[in-house]
Amino acid sequence: MTMEHTLTRRESEVMQLAAEGFTRAEIAEVMGISVDGVKQHLKRIYNRWTANNITHAVAIAVHEGICTP
């Protein structure tokens, strides 16, 4: 895993749930945070990885071994 692909524990949790097909609302419920909180985690991930969307971010995370589908 490259340094720029390193995530916080919470960001990793968001990515794992996204890889499993959870919606933003479902991720929020599971994590006990707001949908806006999920969006903020995703925004930070997109910016760090220059990902275009959640599908792109999940593809990077799976490729880097950060999460599994």
C-alpha atoms as a PDB file:
ATOM      1  CA  MET A   1       0.000   0.000   0.000  1.00  0.00           C
ATOM      2  CA  THR A   2       1.380   3.383  -0.933  1.00  0.00           C
ATOM      3  CA  MET A   3       1.418   6.207   1.578  1.00  0.00           C
ATOM      4  CA  GLU A   4      -1.098   8.305  -0.351  1.00  0.00           C
ATOM      5  CA  HIS A   5      -3.550   5.409  -0.182  1.00  0.00           C
ATOM      6  CA  THR A   6      -3.350   5.149   3.614  1.00  0.00           C
ATOM      7  CA  LEU A   7      -6.714   5.727   5.297  1.00  0.00           C
ATOM      8  CA  THR A   8      -7.838   6.395   8.828  1.00  0.00           C
ATOM      9  CA  ARG A   9      -9.669   3.596  10.611  1.00  0.00           C
ATOM     10  CA  ARG A  10     -13.036   5.299   9.986  1.00  0.00           C
ATOM     11  CA  GLU A  11     -12.240   5.954   6.313  1.00  0.00           C
ATOM     12  CA  SER A  12     -11.285   2.286   5.939  1.00  0.00           C
ATOM     13  CA  GLU A  13     -14.590   1.292   7.521  1.00  0.00           C
ATOM     14  CA  VAL A  14     -16.499   3.526   5.081  1.00  0.00           C
ATOM     15  CA  MET A  15     -14.631   1.994   2.142  1.00  0.00           C
ATOM     16  CA  GLN A  16     -15.225  -1.584   3.325  1.00  0.00           C
ATOM     17  CA  LEU A  17     -18.962  -0.990   3.690  1.00  0.00           C
ATOM     18  CA  ALA A  18     -19.074   0.749   0.303  1.00  0.00           C
ATOM     19  CA  ALA A  19     -17.246  -2.223  -1.253  1.00  0.00           C
ATOM     20  CA  GLU A  20     -19.897  -4.507   0.241  1.00  0.00           C
ATOM     21  CA  GLY A  21     -22.574  -2.479  -1.536  1.00  0.00           C
ATOM     22  CA  PHE A  22     -23.943  -0.405   1.342  1.00  0.00           C
ATOM     23  CA  THR A  23     -25.512   2.943   0.445  1.00  0.00           C
ATOM     24  CA  ARG A  24     -24.336   6.150   2.092  1.00  0.00           C
ATOM     25  CA  ALA A  25     -27.412   6.060   4.351  1.00  0.00           C
ATOM     26  CA  GLU A  26     -26.734   2.436   5.334  1.00  0.00           C
ATOM     27  CA  ILE A  27     -23.073   3.216   6.016  1.00  0.00           C
ATOM     28  CA  ALA A  28     -24.160   6.105   8.244  1.00  0.00           C
ATOM     29  CA  GLU A  29     -26.524   3.874  10.175  1.00  0.00           C
ATOM     30  CA  VAL A  30     -23.967   1.103  10.686  1.00  0.00           C
ATOM     31  CA  MET A  31     -21.266   3.561  11.757  1.00  0.00           C
ATOM     32  CA  GLY A  32     -23.572   5.646  13.928  1.00  0.00           C
ATOM     33  CA  ILE A  33     -22.836   8.877  12.065  1.00  0.00           C
ATOM     34  CA  SER A  34     -24.814  11.176   9.789  1.00  0.00           C
ATOM     35  CA  VAL A  35     -25.001  10.803   6.027  1.00  0.00           C
ATOM     36  CA  ASP A  36     -23.124  14.123   5.876  1.00  0.00           C
ATOM     37  CA  GLY A  37     -20.381  12.507   7.971  1.00  0.00           C
ATOM     38  CA  VAL A  38     -20.120   9.666   5.442  1.00  0.00           C
ATOM     39  CA  LYS A  39     -19.975  12.217   2.615  1.00  0.00           C
ATOM     40  CA  GLN A  40     -17.142  14.056   4.380  1.00  0.00           C
ATOM     41  CA  HIS A  41     -15.142  10.821   4.777  1.00  0.00           C
ATOM     42  CA  LEU A  42     -15.694  10.057   1.096  1.00  0.00           C
ATOM     43  CA  LYS A  43     -14.749  13.580   0.027  1.00  0.00           C
ATOM     44  CA  ARG A  44     -11.423  13.298   1.877  1.00  0.00           C
ATOM     45  CA  ILE A  45     -10.778   9.908   0.265  1.00  0.00           C
ATOM     46  CA  TYR A  46     -11.658  11.209  -3.229  1.00  0.00           C
ATOM     47  CA  ASN A  47      -9.335  14.187  -2.792  1.00  0.00           C
ATOM     48  CA  ARG A  48      -6.456  12.103  -1.448  1.00  0.00           C
ATOM     49  CA  TRP A  49      -6.781   9.482  -4.183  1.00  0.00           C
ATOM     50  CA  THR A  50      -8.022  11.769  -6.965  1.00  0.00           C
ATOM     51  CA  ALA A  51     -10.984   9.414  -7.313  1.00  0.00           C
ATOM     52  CA  ASN A  52     -13.954  10.576  -9.367  1.00  0.00           C
ATOM     53  CA  ASN A  53     -16.683   8.747  -7.452  1.00  0.00           C
ATOM     54  CA  ILE A  54     -17.377   5.968  -4.975  1.00  0.00           C
ATOM     55  CA  THR A  55     -16.976   3.238  -7.600  1.00  0.00           C
ATOM     56  CA  HIS A  56     -13.534   4.547  -8.511  1.00  0.00           C
ATOM     57  CA  ALA A  57     -12.555   4.812  -4.833  1.00  0.00           C
ATOM     58  CA  VAL A  58     -13.717   1.242  -4.134  1.00  0.00           C
ATOM     59  CA  ALA A  59     -11.712  -0.003  -7.129  1.00  0.00           C
ATOM     60  CA  ILE A  60      -8.582   1.694  -5.755  1.00  0.00           C
ATOM     61  CA  ALA A  61      -9.231   0.327  -2.252  1.00  0.00           C
ATOM     62  CA  VAL A  62      -9.683  -3.230  -3.531  1.00  0.00           C
ATOM     63  CA  HIS A  63      -6.595  -2.953  -5.756  1.00  0.00           C
ATOM     64  CA  GLU A  64      -4.518  -1.666  -2.824  1.00  0.00           C
ATOM     65  CA  GLY A  65      -5.819  -4.419  -0.511  1.00  0.00           C
ATOM     66  CA  ILE A  66      -7.518  -1.932   1.803  1.00  0.00           C
ATOM     67  CA  CYS A  67     -10.848  -3.730   1.561  1.00  0.00           C
ATOM     68  CA  THR A  68     -12.486  -6.701  -0.123  1.00  0.00           C
ATOM     69  CA  PRO A  69     -15.650  -6.727  -2.211  1.00  0.00           C
END
